[in-house]
Amino acid sequence: MKKSIFILATALLFAACSQDEDSNQDAPVAQSFDELVVPSNFEWSNSLSDYIEVSFDKSLNRDIELQGSELWVVDASNQRVARSLVKDDKARINVALPSMSEGYQFYLTATKEYWPLEVKNKVNLALSDPFDITDLNSFKAKGNIRRAKASMASANLLANPGFETAIPASNQSVGPFSPYNSGVNNTQWKTIDADFSQPTVNGSTVIKADNGEYTYFWQNHTVSPGDSIFLTADFNGAFAYAYVFFWQHQNSSSWSSYRRVDLNSDANGVQMVVPAGATVASGLFYIYNNTWIDNAYFSNTPAVTDADGDGVADDQDDFPNDATKAYLSYYPNSGRQTIAFEDMWPVKGDYDFNDMIVNSKMTLIQDASNNWVSAEVEIALDAFGGGIENGLAIQLVDGNKATMNNMNISVSGDASLDPDVTNGIIVFSDPDAIRSDYYTNTENGLFATPDTARFTITFGNNNGTAFIPDFYIFQTLDRTLEVHLPGFAGTSKADASRNNTGDDVNGSFLTTNGLPWGMELILPEGSSFEHPYEKTDMITAYPQFSIWASSGGSSNADWYQTPSIGNVIDLTN
């Protein structure tokens, strides 16, 4: 009886699954844009973009002080594309990348750790244990002494660097190696335990880890931000690490940052610049299983790598010879941003998304204090097929797309400051102001190479608050009628009485079915959105588009690569 019930239940389950599969396979695919059904939170962006709040799990590295360090996003070539300061163990960073991007990572400057990039609203990164090195099989025994090659032009900070004087028992098992616990500029080595010996090798006293045991030993010394630091030693054995830990002051109990080098991989040891805010450095060696160390060397030669004297080392300074500038970034971080508008809001349009199409890139500059200095903006008017004359404007808003305090900006070049909108810029009020020759780039016979507006935003006093550009269009003859991307709100100049009229819902720039009047794509550099011909529905132009939209952007992110030939316009030809 039980077997029969099981067979019946299995058959019913199989039938139900088959019905689900059939229903998925037979689910109607929208034949026009107006038929689309999309998730309620879809923001119509074909990109990897978000304002990410990053927190750090310090359970394995409780002593690290992250305040003032930096979190970067780096590409597959390890080039920085975005950065943010860590405050209160959190970093907030804007990321905007092409949807098919790969190989990007988070990088934390304080610990030199990498994590795969996650583009979502909240991310937690787990710090590793700096002394947890478990892959012992990767270490190959070395039968010879390895001598560091680093420059040793300055005096050695270390006392007893050759270990000729025995480490007294009172300095063994002293616990934490912070300057608060073990002193600064003293004349003796301190160790974490007594799992070592001090034999004579080739006529010289060394410090040697006991068989099968770990040990580490250190000295703390005062340094100055910007100094060049070298920590090296002669050694023999399979497991020898050099560390430099930095502390903000002599009474610190938590290190602010550190660097670790495997001496078997790089006999030069640690070579770096003392970071801003650090006044004490620990020179520490970590050895295991009969490895020995001799002739340790620790120097802090004055820095010669900050040519403009702005406090940012030349290897991190994008403008090493200009003290007013330090860091270069872009929006989007990679590629170019394309925004395609319908201009009939609050009434639905024809969904060809070519009433205005703009293609943009912002090059942003910050100084050594992370204040914004300037932004070079380039905006191409790729198409203008709308029957209504519209202008183009930008408002700089925070990472959550909300209005910010006045950033005291000024504008020069092919744009002007908007006196009616906080942090607002008018790119043009009339498209003819930018078109050198008349074109629409939406109909046969009305084609031309897109004209480009170029202008500079100069920032007054500010604190480097993260921002993004809110591109929107407005009617030339009625400045109060604005069209924004979903997720953005109308500016203070917009007439809010139009919200909830026509097909709009609460001024969201979405219809009741979640359909937009604007759409964003971030495409790789050199690519261009092949937009639909006039009166050609987006789904007619891109048959794969409906699957992407219906999935809320989680499927078919490459829909723009498979247009319907004859229904789209390629501006690159």
Protein backbone atom coordinates (compact mmCIF):
# COMPACT_ATOMS: atom_id res chain seq x y z
CA MET A 1 0.00 0.00 0.00
CA LYS A 2 2.80 2.42 0.95
CA LYS A 3 4.58 1.63 -2.31
CA SER A 4 1.44 2.43 -4.32
CA ILE A 5 1.02 5.76 -2.50
CA PHE A 6 4.65 6.60 -3.18
CA ILE A 7 4.28 5.82 -6.89
CA LEU A 8 1.10 7.90 -7.10
CA ALA A 9 2.73 10.84 -5.29
CA THR A 10 5.78 10.64 -7.53
CA ALA A 11 3.58 10.61 -10.63
CA LEU A 12 1.63 13.63 -9.40
CA LEU A 13 4.84 15.47 -8.56
CA PHE A 14 6.30 14.70 -12.00
CA ALA A 15 3.09 15.89 -13.67
CA ALA A 16 3.15 19.12 -11.63
CA CYS A 17 6.78 19.77 -12.55
CA SER A 18 6.03 19.05 -16.19
CA GLN A 19 3.14 21.50 -16.07
CA ASP A 20 5.41 24.14 -14.50
CA GLU A 21 8.02 23.57 -17.18
CA ASP A 22 5.40 23.73 -19.89
CA SER A 23 3.95 26.91 -18.42
CA ASN A 24 7.42 28.48 -18.29
CA GLN A 25 8.14 27.43 -21.85
CA ASP A 26 4.74 28.64 -23.01
CA ALA A 27 4.84 31.92 -21.05
CA PRO A 28 3.86 34.69 -23.46
CA VAL A 29 6.68 36.87 -24.71
CA ALA A 30 5.69 40.51 -25.07
CA GLN A 31 5.28 41.49 -28.70
CA SER A 32 5.37 45.19 -27.93
CA PHE A 33 6.82 47.36 -25.20
CA ASP A 34 3.37 48.21 -23.83
CA GLU A 35 2.72 44.48 -23.13
CA LEU A 36 5.72 44.09 -20.86
CA VAL A 37 5.28 42.89 -17.28
CA VAL A 38 8.31 43.73 -15.13
CA PRO A 39 9.27 43.46 -11.43
CA SER A 40 8.13 46.41 -9.35
CA ASN A 41 11.68 47.41 -8.34
CA PHE A 42 13.17 47.36 -11.85
CA GLU A 43 15.02 50.61 -12.61
CA TRP A 44 15.62 50.05 -16.35
CA SER A 45 19.39 50.12 -16.27
CA ASN A 46 21.48 47.76 -18.37
CA SER A 47 24.57 48.09 -16.18
CA LEU A 48 26.32 46.87 -13.05
CA SER A 49 25.64 49.89 -10.91
CA ASP A 50 24.79 50.62 -7.31
CA TYR A 51 25.71 52.81 -4.37
CA ILE A 52 27.32 50.10 -2.27
CA GLU A 53 27.63 50.24 1.51
CA VAL A 54 30.54 47.98 2.43
CA SER A 55 31.06 46.74 6.00
CA PHE A 56 33.95 44.65 7.30
CA ASP A 57 33.91 41.47 9.36
CA LYS A 58 36.89 41.87 11.72
CA SER A 59 36.35 38.70 13.77
CA LEU A 60 39.69 37.26 12.56
CA ASN A 61 41.54 40.58 12.62
CA ARG A 62 40.13 42.47 15.60
CA ASP A 63 43.19 44.68 16.09
CA ILE A 64 43.09 46.34 12.69
CA GLU A 65 42.08 50.02 12.63
CA LEU A 66 40.49 50.79 9.27
CA GLN A 67 39.58 54.44 9.87
CA GLY A 68 41.04 56.57 7.08
CA SER A 69 42.16 53.66 4.91
CA GLU A 70 40.76 53.23 1.41
CA LEU A 71 38.57 50.69 -0.33
CA TRP A 72 39.16 50.47 -4.07
CA VAL A 73 37.50 48.77 -6.99
CA VAL A 74 40.19 47.52 -9.36
CA ASP A 75 39.87 46.01 -12.83
CA ALA A 76 41.43 42.80 -14.15
CA SER A 77 44.71 44.69 -14.70
CA ASN A 78 44.70 45.85 -11.07
CA GLN A 79 44.01 49.44 -12.10
CA ARG A 80 41.89 51.47 -9.68
CA VAL A 81 38.51 52.50 -11.15
CA ALA A 82 36.75 53.66 -7.96
CA ARG A 83 37.76 54.49 -4.40
CA SER A 84 36.26 55.43 -1.06
CA LEU A 85 37.54 56.25 2.42
CA VAL A 86 36.68 53.90 5.28
CA LYS A 87 34.83 55.66 8.12
CA ASP A 88 33.51 53.89 11.21
CA ASP A 89 34.43 50.54 9.62
CA LYS A 90 32.24 51.23 6.58
CA ALA A 91 32.90 52.44 3.06
CA ARG A 92 30.35 53.79 0.61
CA ILE A 93 31.33 53.54 -3.00
CA ASN A 94 29.57 54.26 -6.30
CA VAL A 95 30.05 51.60 -8.95
CA ALA A 96 28.85 51.96 -12.55
CA LEU A 97 30.15 49.41 -15.05
CA PRO A 98 29.01 47.76 -18.29
CA SER A 99 26.63 44.88 -17.59
CA MET A 100 28.97 42.20 -18.98
CA SER A 101 31.99 43.33 -16.92
CA GLU A 102 34.25 40.66 -15.43
CA GLY A 103 37.42 40.52 -13.35
CA TYR A 104 36.67 43.46 -11.05
CA GLN A 105 37.59 43.21 -7.35
CA PHE A 106 37.41 45.09 -4.08
CA TYR A 107 40.86 45.97 -2.67
CA LEU A 108 41.46 47.22 0.89
CA THR A 109 44.62 49.30 1.19
CA ALA A 110 45.02 48.67 4.94
CA THR A 111 45.39 44.89 4.60
CA LYS A 112 46.23 44.48 0.88
CA GLU A 113 43.35 42.01 0.52
CA TYR A 114 41.15 41.37 -2.52
CA TRP A 115 37.55 40.17 -2.81
CA PRO A 116 35.42 39.61 -5.93
CA LEU A 117 33.30 42.68 -6.69
CA GLU A 118 29.65 42.34 -5.63
CA VAL A 119 27.38 45.02 -7.04
CA LYS A 120 24.50 45.28 -4.60
CA ASN A 121 23.30 47.72 -1.97
CA LYS A 122 25.05 46.13 1.03
CA VAL A 123 28.23 44.01 1.03
CA ASN A 124 30.17 42.51 3.95
CA LEU A 125 33.85 41.67 3.47
CA ALA A 126 35.54 39.26 5.89
CA LEU A 127 39.11 40.20 6.81
CA SER A 128 41.56 37.33 7.02
CA ASP A 129 43.74 36.47 10.01
CA PRO A 130 47.12 38.09 9.23
CA PHE A 131 48.94 35.19 10.92
CA ASP A 132 46.86 32.36 9.44
CA ILE A 133 49.10 30.80 6.79
CA THR A 134 47.86 27.25 6.36
CA ASP A 135 49.13 26.05 2.99
CA LEU A 136 52.43 24.67 4.23
CA ASN A 137 52.70 22.31 1.24
CA SER A 138 53.31 25.32 -0.96
CA PHE A 139 56.56 26.12 0.84
CA LYS A 140 59.67 24.46 -0.57
CA ALA A 141 62.66 24.03 1.71
CA LYS A 142 65.55 26.27 0.83
CA GLY A 143 69.04 24.96 1.43
CA ASN A 144 70.85 28.26 1.17
CA ILE A 145 70.82 31.64 2.84
CA ARG A 146 68.71 34.23 1.02
CA ARG A 147 70.01 37.78 1.35
CA ALA A 148 67.74 40.76 0.90
CA LYS A 149 68.58 43.10 -1.95
CA ALA A 150 66.84 46.24 -0.67
CA SER A 151 68.75 49.47 -0.48
CA MET A 152 70.30 49.97 2.95
CA ALA A 153 71.44 53.56 2.71
CA SER A 154 70.15 54.67 6.12
CA ALA A 155 70.91 53.62 9.69
CA ASN A 156 69.27 50.49 11.05
CA LEU A 157 66.47 51.24 13.50
CA LEU A 158 66.79 47.80 15.09
CA ALA A 159 68.82 47.12 18.20
CA ASN A 160 70.68 43.79 18.32
CA PRO A 161 69.92 43.10 14.61
CA GLY A 162 72.31 40.16 14.49
CA PHE A 163 70.92 38.54 17.66
CA GLU A 164 74.41 38.35 19.19
CA THR A 165 72.84 39.28 22.53
CA ALA A 166 70.42 36.63 23.79
CA ILE A 167 66.75 37.60 24.09
CA PRO A 168 66.12 37.59 27.84
CA ALA A 169 63.35 35.49 29.34
CA SER A 170 61.60 38.67 30.49
CA ASN A 171 61.01 39.61 26.85
CA GLN A 172 59.49 36.25 25.94
CA SER A 173 55.71 35.63 25.90
CA VAL A 174 55.04 39.32 26.40
CA GLY A 175 51.71 39.21 24.59
CA PRO A 176 50.40 41.86 22.16
CA PHE A 177 53.09 43.64 20.17
CA SER A 178 51.42 47.07 20.21
CA PRO A 179 53.66 49.96 21.26
CA TYR A 180 51.38 50.44 24.27
CA ASN A 181 52.25 46.95 25.53
CA SER A 182 55.85 46.51 24.42
CA GLY A 183 57.31 49.98 24.20
CA VAL A 184 58.87 52.10 21.46
CA ASN A 185 62.49 52.62 20.44
CA ASN A 186 63.70 50.14 23.04
CA THR A 187 66.91 48.17 22.63
CA GLN A 188 65.63 44.61 22.85
CA TRP A 189 63.59 42.18 20.78
CA LYS A 190 60.23 41.03 22.15
CA THR A 191 58.71 37.63 21.31
CA ILE A 192 55.30 36.03 21.54
CA ASP A 193 56.57 32.84 23.17
CA ALA A 194 59.69 30.82 23.93
CA ASP A 195 59.35 28.40 20.97
CA PHE A 196 62.77 29.32 19.56
CA SER A 197 66.48 28.91 20.18
CA GLN A 198 69.53 31.05 19.43
CA PRO A 199 72.16 28.74 17.96
CA THR A 200 75.34 29.73 16.15
CA VAL A 201 75.30 29.20 12.38
CA ASN A 202 78.43 29.86 10.32
CA GLY A 203 79.92 31.75 13.25
CA SER A 204 76.89 34.02 13.75
CA THR A 205 74.09 33.85 16.30
CA VAL A 206 70.61 33.46 14.75
CA ILE A 207 67.07 33.17 16.05
CA LYS A 208 65.54 29.85 15.04
CA ALA A 209 62.00 28.47 15.37
CA ASP A 210 61.74 25.16 17.21
CA ASN A 211 60.92 22.03 15.24
CA GLY A 212 57.25 22.09 14.26
CA GLU A 213 56.63 25.41 16.06
CA TYR A 214 55.72 28.95 15.03
CA THR A 215 57.13 32.07 16.63
CA TYR A 216 57.30 35.76 15.89
CA PHE A 217 59.41 38.57 17.30
CA TRP A 218 59.44 42.34 16.87
CA GLN A 219 60.62 45.81 17.73
CA ASN A 220 58.60 49.06 17.61
CA HIS A 221 60.10 52.34 16.38
CA THR A 222 58.90 55.86 15.66
CA VAL A 223 58.45 56.85 12.00
CA SER A 224 57.01 59.75 10.05
CA PRO A 225 54.28 59.69 7.39
CA GLY A 226 55.84 59.67 3.95
CA ASP A 227 59.05 57.95 5.08
CA SER A 228 60.23 55.00 3.01
CA ILE A 229 60.25 51.78 5.04
CA PHE A 230 62.45 48.71 4.43
CA LEU A 231 62.32 45.52 6.51
CA THR A 232 64.64 42.72 5.42
CA ALA A 233 66.81 39.94 6.85
CA ASP A 234 69.03 37.00 5.95
CA PHE A 235 67.19 33.74 6.51
CA ASN A 236 67.24 30.00 5.91
CA GLY A 237 64.20 27.76 5.80
CA ALA A 238 60.85 27.19 4.13
CA PHE A 239 58.71 29.61 6.17
CA ALA A 240 59.86 33.19 6.77
CA TYR A 241 57.60 36.23 6.68
CA ALA A 242 58.41 39.91 7.22
CA TYR A 243 55.68 42.26 8.48
CA VAL A 244 55.45 45.98 9.05
CA PHE A 245 52.52 47.13 11.20
CA PHE A 246 51.64 50.80 11.55
CA TRP A 247 50.16 52.50 14.61
CA GLN A 248 48.77 55.99 14.97
CA HIS A 249 50.59 56.73 18.23
CA GLN A 250 52.55 55.15 21.07
CA ASN A 251 49.42 54.41 23.11
CA SER A 252 47.64 52.61 20.26
CA SER A 253 46.30 49.14 20.93
CA SER A 254 45.04 48.56 17.34
CA TRP A 255 47.20 48.78 14.24
CA SER A 256 46.01 51.01 11.43
CA SER A 257 47.46 49.00 8.54
CA TYR A 258 50.15 46.48 7.72
CA ARG A 259 52.04 44.80 4.92
CA ARG A 260 53.28 41.19 4.79
CA VAL A 261 55.92 39.71 2.48
CA ASP A 262 56.94 36.06 2.08
CA LEU A 263 60.75 36.26 2.06
CA ASN A 264 60.97 33.05 0.03
CA SER A 265 59.03 34.80 -2.73
CA ASP A 266 60.60 38.24 -2.36
CA ALA A 267 63.89 38.39 -0.48
CA ASN A 268 63.75 42.19 -0.65
CA GLY A 269 61.19 42.07 2.14
CA VAL A 270 58.79 44.91 2.88
CA GLN A 271 59.33 48.14 0.96
CA MET A 272 56.68 50.85 1.22
CA VAL A 273 55.82 54.40 2.29
CA VAL A 274 54.60 55.15 5.82
CA PRO A 275 50.89 56.00 5.45
CA ALA A 276 49.34 59.24 6.64
CA GLY A 277 48.59 59.31 10.37
CA ALA A 278 51.12 56.65 11.37
CA THR A 279 53.84 57.55 13.92
CA VAL A 280 54.99 54.08 15.07
CA ALA A 281 55.95 51.01 13.02
CA SER A 282 56.50 47.42 14.16
CA GLY A 283 59.17 45.43 12.36
CA LEU A 284 58.13 41.81 12.88
CA PHE A 285 59.36 38.43 11.63
CA TYR A 286 57.22 35.29 11.63
CA ILE A 287 59.01 31.93 11.24
CA TYR A 288 58.22 28.23 11.52
CA ASN A 289 59.81 24.82 11.83
CA ASN A 290 63.60 25.31 12.05
CA THR A 291 63.65 28.43 9.87
CA TRP A 292 66.14 30.96 11.18
CA ILE A 293 66.66 34.72 10.78
CA ASP A 294 69.84 36.77 11.02
CA ASN A 295 71.06 40.29 10.21
CA ALA A 296 67.62 41.92 10.40
CA TYR A 297 67.43 45.43 8.94
CA PHE A 298 64.73 48.06 9.45
CA SER A 299 65.03 51.60 8.02
CA ASN A 300 62.89 54.67 7.58
CA THR A 301 64.64 56.76 5.00
CA PRO A 302 62.94 60.09 4.28
CA ALA A 303 60.47 59.79 1.44
CA VAL A 304 61.59 60.85 -2.00
CA THR A 305 58.49 59.63 -3.82
CA ASP A 306 56.13 62.58 -3.25
CA ALA A 307 57.34 65.05 -5.85
CA ASP A 308 54.56 67.62 -5.33
CA GLY A 309 54.55 67.37 -1.53
CA ASP A 310 50.80 66.83 -1.22
CA GLY A 311 51.17 63.83 1.11
CA VAL A 312 50.22 61.26 -1.53
CA ALA A 313 53.06 59.00 -2.68
CA ASP A 314 53.83 59.28 -6.38
CA ASP A 315 52.88 55.67 -7.04
CA GLN A 316 49.35 56.45 -5.77
CA ASP A 317 49.13 60.01 -7.08
CA ASP A 318 47.51 60.37 -10.50
CA PHE A 319 48.97 63.91 -10.62
CA PRO A 320 52.41 63.49 -8.99
CA ASN A 321 53.58 66.97 -10.05
CA ASP A 322 50.45 68.93 -9.12
CA ALA A 323 49.78 69.47 -5.40
CA THR A 324 46.20 70.64 -6.11
CA LYS A 325 45.21 67.29 -7.61
CA ALA A 326 45.76 63.69 -6.52
CA TYR A 327 43.11 61.20 -7.64
CA LEU A 328 41.46 60.54 -10.99
CA SER A 329 38.19 58.66 -11.40
CA TYR A 330 35.42 58.30 -13.95
CA TYR A 331 31.65 58.06 -14.20
CA PRO A 332 30.86 55.51 -15.32
CA ASN A 333 33.93 53.74 -13.92
CA SER A 334 34.44 52.01 -17.25
CA GLY A 335 32.85 52.54 -20.64
CA ARG A 336 30.26 55.22 -21.44
CA GLN A 337 26.74 55.93 -20.23
CA THR A 338 23.91 56.09 -22.76
CA ILE A 339 20.49 57.41 -21.74
CA ALA A 340 17.50 57.05 -24.07
CA PHE A 341 14.35 59.14 -23.43
CA GLU A 342 10.70 59.14 -24.37
CA ASP A 343 9.43 62.73 -24.13
CA MET A 344 5.61 62.46 -23.76
CA TRP A 345 5.54 62.25 -19.94
CA PRO A 346 3.17 62.07 -18.13
CA VAL A 347 1.51 60.32 -21.10
CA LYS A 348 3.01 57.18 -22.64
CA GLY A 349 4.86 57.56 -25.92
CA ASP A 350 5.62 55.22 -28.81
CA TYR A 351 8.47 53.45 -27.00
CA ASP A 352 11.06 53.86 -29.73
CA PHE A 353 13.32 55.53 -27.11
CA ASN A 354 14.92 57.89 -29.58
CA ASP A 355 13.25 61.18 -28.65
CA MET A 356 16.59 62.10 -27.14
CA ILE A 357 19.65 59.88 -26.76
CA VAL A 358 22.78 61.15 -25.03
CA ASN A 359 26.12 59.42 -24.57
CA SER A 360 28.34 60.67 -21.75
CA LYS A 361 31.54 60.31 -19.75
CA MET A 362 32.71 62.27 -16.68
CA THR A 363 36.39 62.53 -15.70
CA LEU A 364 36.58 63.44 -12.01
CA ILE A 365 39.49 64.83 -9.99
CA GLN A 366 39.98 64.94 -6.20
CA ASP A 367 42.79 66.47 -4.16
CA ALA A 368 44.90 64.83 -1.45
CA SER A 369 42.19 65.59 1.14
CA ASN A 370 39.60 63.83 -1.05
CA ASN A 371 37.78 67.06 -1.87
CA TRP A 372 36.36 67.31 -5.38
CA VAL A 373 38.39 69.63 -7.58
CA SER A 374 36.79 69.41 -11.02
CA ALA A 375 34.97 67.24 -13.52
CA GLU A 376 35.50 67.20 -17.27
CA VAL A 377 32.22 66.23 -18.93
CA GLU A 378 31.67 65.03 -22.49
CA ILE A 379 28.11 64.53 -23.78
CA ALA A 380 27.24 63.51 -27.33
CA LEU A 381 23.72 64.10 -28.66
CA ASP A 382 23.39 60.78 -30.48
CA ALA A 383 19.79 61.22 -31.59
CA PHE A 384 16.92 63.67 -31.34
CA GLY A 385 13.75 62.22 -32.80
CA GLY A 386 11.17 63.84 -30.55
CA GLY A 387 8.44 66.06 -31.87
CA ILE A 388 8.72 68.27 -28.77
CA GLU A 389 11.65 70.66 -28.36
CA ASN A 390 13.51 69.56 -25.24
CA GLY A 391 16.56 70.71 -23.38
CA LEU A 392 19.06 68.57 -21.46
CA ALA A 393 20.13 69.17 -17.87
CA ILE A 394 22.01 67.49 -15.03
CA GLN A 395 21.60 67.62 -11.29
CA LEU A 396 24.40 66.22 -9.11
CA VAL A 397 22.71 64.07 -6.45
CA ASP A 398 24.03 61.77 -3.74
CA GLY A 399 24.54 58.03 -4.12
CA ASN A 400 20.96 57.42 -2.99
CA LYS A 401 19.70 59.76 -5.76
CA ALA A 402 18.62 62.42 -3.28
CA THR A 403 19.29 66.17 -3.42
CA MET A 404 22.56 67.19 -1.77
CA ASN A 405 23.76 70.32 -0.03
CA ASN A 406 25.09 72.96 -2.40
CA MET A 407 28.51 71.92 -3.70
CA ASN A 408 29.32 75.49 -4.79
CA ILE A 409 29.94 74.53 -8.39
CA SER A 410 30.77 76.71 -11.36
CA VAL A 411 30.60 75.69 -15.02
CA SER A 412 32.63 76.67 -18.07
CA GLY A 413 32.49 75.50 -21.68
CA ASP A 414 29.44 74.19 -23.56
CA ALA A 415 27.06 74.36 -20.56
CA SER A 416 25.92 76.77 -17.87
CA LEU A 417 24.99 76.76 -14.21
CA ASP A 418 21.28 76.27 -13.50
CA PRO A 419 20.36 79.11 -11.11
CA ASP A 420 17.08 77.44 -10.12
CA VAL A 421 18.36 73.96 -9.16
CA THR A 422 20.87 73.10 -6.42
CA ASN A 423 23.96 71.58 -8.07
CA GLY A 424 22.19 71.94 -11.41
CA ILE A 425 23.66 72.36 -14.89
CA ILE A 426 21.91 73.25 -18.15
CA VAL A 427 23.67 71.49 -21.03
CA PHE A 428 21.35 73.08 -23.61
CA SER A 429 17.81 74.43 -23.65
CA ASP A 430 17.39 73.92 -27.38
CA PRO A 431 18.93 71.00 -29.31
CA ASP A 432 19.79 73.36 -32.17
CA ALA A 433 22.28 74.99 -29.79
CA ILE A 434 24.41 71.88 -29.96
CA ARG A 435 23.77 70.60 -33.51
CA SER A 436 26.23 72.13 -35.96
CA ASP A 437 24.02 70.79 -38.78
CA TYR A 438 20.44 69.65 -38.48
CA TYR A 439 20.05 65.92 -37.84
CA THR A 440 17.78 63.54 -35.97
CA ASN A 441 19.67 60.24 -36.51
CA THR A 442 16.30 58.49 -36.46
CA GLU A 443 15.09 58.70 -40.08
CA ASN A 444 16.64 58.16 -43.50
CA GLY A 445 18.24 61.28 -44.89
CA LEU A 446 18.58 62.97 -41.51
CA PHE A 447 21.86 61.44 -40.37
CA ALA A 448 25.05 63.11 -39.15
CA THR A 449 27.94 62.43 -36.84
CA PRO A 450 26.64 63.35 -33.37
CA ASP A 451 27.74 66.71 -32.01
CA THR A 452 29.36 66.76 -28.57
CA ALA A 453 29.15 69.24 -25.69
CA ARG A 454 32.28 69.54 -23.55
CA PHE A 455 32.42 71.49 -20.31
CA THR A 456 34.17 71.68 -16.96
CA ILE A 457 32.56 71.63 -13.53
CA THR A 458 34.71 73.31 -10.88
CA PHE A 459 33.88 72.58 -7.25
CA GLY A 460 34.07 75.02 -4.37
CA ASN A 461 34.40 73.97 -0.74
CA ASN A 462 33.17 70.40 -0.28
CA ASN A 463 34.03 67.25 1.63
CA GLY A 464 34.30 64.83 -1.24
CA THR A 465 30.77 63.49 -0.74
CA ALA A 466 29.96 60.79 -3.30
CA PHE A 467 27.62 61.93 -6.06
CA ILE A 468 26.18 60.77 -9.35
CA PRO A 469 24.75 62.74 -12.30
CA ASP A 470 20.99 62.77 -12.77
CA PHE A 471 20.52 63.40 -16.51
CA TYR A 472 17.03 64.61 -17.45
CA ILE A 473 15.22 66.41 -20.25
CA PHE A 474 12.85 69.35 -19.95
CA GLN A 475 10.55 71.09 -22.40
CA THR A 476 12.18 74.11 -23.99
CA LEU A 477 8.98 76.13 -23.75
CA ASP A 478 8.03 74.88 -20.29
CA ARG A 479 10.99 74.43 -17.95
CA THR A 480 8.75 72.90 -15.26
CA LEU A 481 8.05 69.74 -17.30
CA GLU A 482 10.91 67.30 -16.69
CA VAL A 483 11.53 63.65 -17.62
CA HIS A 484 13.92 61.63 -15.43
CA LEU A 485 15.12 58.07 -15.25
CA PRO A 486 13.21 55.79 -12.83
CA GLY A 487 14.56 56.11 -9.30
CA PHE A 488 15.23 59.84 -9.64
CA ALA A 489 12.81 62.58 -8.62
CA GLY A 490 11.94 65.84 -10.32
CA THR A 491 14.06 68.84 -9.34
CA SER A 492 12.84 71.78 -7.27
CA LYS A 493 11.96 73.48 -10.57
CA ALA A 494 9.61 70.67 -11.71
CA ASP A 495 5.84 71.16 -11.46
CA ALA A 496 4.81 68.38 -9.04
CA SER A 497 1.14 68.90 -9.83
CA ARG A 498 1.68 66.82 -12.96
CA ASN A 499 2.53 63.74 -10.86
CA ASN A 500 -0.23 61.12 -10.92
CA THR A 501 -1.67 62.58 -14.11
CA GLY A 502 -1.73 60.81 -17.47
CA ASP A 503 0.04 57.48 -17.03
CA ASP A 504 2.48 58.55 -14.27
CA VAL A 505 2.47 57.04 -10.77
CA ASN A 506 3.51 59.37 -7.94
CA GLY A 507 6.11 61.20 -9.96
CA SER A 508 8.16 57.99 -10.24
CA PHE A 509 8.53 58.29 -14.02
CA LEU A 510 6.97 54.83 -14.23
CA THR A 511 3.51 53.74 -15.37
CA THR A 512 1.22 51.48 -13.37
CA ASN A 513 2.83 48.56 -15.22
CA GLY A 514 6.32 49.80 -14.30
CA LEU A 515 7.18 51.08 -17.79
CA PRO A 516 9.59 54.03 -17.99
CA TRP A 517 10.15 57.22 -19.95
CA GLY A 518 13.93 56.80 -19.76
CA MET A 519 16.41 53.93 -19.90
CA GLU A 520 20.14 53.67 -19.15
CA LEU A 521 22.84 51.53 -20.75
CA ILE A 522 26.52 51.47 -19.84
CA LEU A 523 28.48 50.06 -22.74
CA PRO A 524 32.21 49.35 -23.15
CA GLU A 525 34.39 52.14 -24.53
CA GLY A 526 34.11 52.24 -28.32
CA SER A 527 30.62 50.69 -28.34
CA SER A 528 27.47 52.55 -29.32
CA PHE A 529 23.81 51.82 -28.72
CA GLU A 530 22.13 51.03 -32.04
CA HIS A 531 18.84 52.73 -31.32
CA PRO A 532 15.52 52.05 -33.09
CA TYR A 533 14.33 53.90 -36.16
CA GLU A 534 11.53 56.40 -35.67
CA LYS A 535 8.25 54.77 -34.58
CA THR A 536 9.95 51.37 -34.20
CA ASP A 537 9.05 49.74 -30.89
CA MET A 538 12.06 48.72 -28.78
CA ILE A 539 10.98 45.07 -28.81
CA THR A 540 10.69 45.10 -32.59
CA ALA A 541 14.21 46.52 -32.73
CA TYR A 542 15.55 44.08 -30.09
CA PRO A 543 13.62 40.78 -29.88
CA GLN A 544 15.64 39.67 -26.81
CA PHE A 545 14.81 42.87 -24.92
CA SER A 546 11.51 41.57 -23.53
CA ILE A 547 13.20 38.67 -21.70
CA TRP A 548 15.71 41.05 -20.13
CA ALA A 549 13.01 43.47 -18.98
CA SER A 550 10.64 40.76 -17.74
CA SER A 551 13.44 39.28 -15.63
CA GLY A 552 14.19 42.64 -14.05
CA GLY A 553 17.57 42.69 -15.74
CA SER A 554 18.76 39.32 -14.40
CA SER A 555 18.63 37.54 -17.80
CA ASN A 556 19.75 38.43 -21.32
CA ALA A 557 21.97 41.31 -20.22
CA ASP A 558 23.50 41.17 -23.70
CA TRP A 559 20.20 41.87 -25.45
CA TYR A 560 21.67 44.98 -27.09
CA GLN A 561 24.11 42.80 -29.04
CA THR A 562 21.36 41.14 -31.12
CA PRO A 563 19.36 43.86 -32.88
CA SER A 564 16.87 43.26 -35.65
CA ILE A 565 18.80 44.39 -38.71
CA GLY A 566 16.94 47.07 -40.60
CA ASN A 567 15.14 48.31 -37.49
CA VAL A 568 18.08 50.00 -35.75
CA ILE A 569 20.59 52.73 -36.53
CA ASP A 570 24.32 52.10 -36.14
CA LEU A 571 26.06 55.45 -35.62
CA THR A 572 29.52 53.89 -35.97
CA ASN A 573 29.05 53.22 -39.69
